[in-house]
Amino acid sequence: MVYKHAISTIVPARAVDFRTEEISSV
């Protein structure tokens, strides 16, 4: 349960970080 919750928290955070990099590089 805790492991699954951590994944669902980390993955969206990485997605946001990726989007931020993409916007910054444009």
N, C-alpha and C. Protein backbone atom coordinates (compact mmCIF):
# COMPACT_ATOMS: atom_id res chain seq x y z
N MET A 1 0.83 -1.21 0.00
CA MET A 1 0.00 0.00 0.00
C MET A 1 0.87 1.26 0.00
N VAL A 2 1.76 1.33 0.96
CA VAL A 2 2.62 2.51 1.07
C VAL A 2 3.49 2.66 -0.17
N TYR A 3 4.02 1.50 -0.64
CA TYR A 3 4.86 1.51 -1.84
C TYR A 3 4.08 2.03 -3.04
N LYS A 4 2.85 1.56 -3.18
CA LYS A 4 2.02 1.97 -4.30
C LYS A 4 1.70 3.47 -4.22
N HIS A 5 1.46 3.95 -3.01
CA HIS A 5 1.17 5.37 -2.81
C HIS A 5 2.39 6.22 -3.18
N ALA A 6 3.56 5.74 -2.82
CA ALA A 6 4.80 6.46 -3.15
C ALA A 6 4.97 6.56 -4.66
N ILE A 7 4.69 5.49 -5.37
CA ILE A 7 4.80 5.48 -6.83
C ILE A 7 3.84 6.50 -7.44
N SER A 8 2.60 6.50 -6.99
CA SER A 8 1.59 7.41 -7.53
C SER A 8 1.92 8.87 -7.21
N THR A 9 2.76 9.09 -6.20
CA THR A 9 3.17 10.45 -5.86
C THR A 9 4.40 10.86 -6.67
N ILE A 10 5.36 9.95 -6.80
CA ILE A 10 6.61 10.26 -7.49
C ILE A 10 6.40 10.41 -8.99
N VAL A 11 5.64 9.52 -9.59
CA VAL A 11 5.46 9.55 -11.04
C VAL A 11 4.86 10.86 -11.54
N PRO A 12 3.75 11.36 -10.98
CA PRO A 12 3.23 12.66 -11.40
C PRO A 12 4.24 13.79 -11.17
N ALA A 13 5.00 13.71 -10.09
CA ALA A 13 6.01 14.74 -9.82
C ALA A 13 7.06 14.77 -10.92
N ARG A 14 7.49 13.59 -11.38
CA ARG A 14 8.45 13.50 -12.47
C ARG A 14 7.85 14.03 -13.77
N ALA A 15 6.57 13.75 -13.98
CA ALA A 15 5.89 14.22 -15.18
C ALA A 15 5.84 15.75 -15.20
N VAL A 16 5.56 16.35 -14.06
CA VAL A 16 5.54 17.81 -13.96
C VAL A 16 6.93 18.37 -14.21
N ASP A 17 7.96 17.73 -13.64
CA ASP A 17 9.34 18.16 -13.83
C ASP A 17 9.72 18.10 -15.31
N PHE A 18 9.29 17.05 -15.99
CA PHE A 18 9.57 16.90 -17.41
C PHE A 18 8.88 18.00 -18.21
N ARG A 19 7.65 18.29 -17.89
CA ARG A 19 6.90 19.35 -18.57
C ARG A 19 7.58 20.70 -18.35
N THR A 20 8.06 20.95 -17.16
CA THR A 20 8.73 22.21 -16.84
C THR A 20 10.00 22.35 -17.67
N GLU A 21 10.77 21.27 -17.79
CA GLU A 21 11.99 21.30 -18.61
C GLU A 21 11.65 21.59 -20.06
N GLU A 22 10.59 20.97 -20.55
CA GLU A 22 10.18 21.15 -21.94
C GLU A 22 9.81 22.60 -22.20
N ILE A 23 9.06 23.19 -21.29
CA ILE A 23 8.64 24.59 -21.43
C ILE A 23 9.85 25.52 -21.35
N SER A 24 10.77 25.23 -20.44
CA SER A 24 11.95 26.08 -20.26
C SER A 24 12.85 26.07 -21.48
N SER A 25 12.99 24.91 -22.12
CA SER A 25 13.90 24.78 -23.25
C SER A 25 13.34 25.41 -24.52
N VAL A 26 12.04 25.65 -24.55
CA VAL A 26 11.43 26.23 -25.76
C VAL A 26 11.79 27.71 -25.86
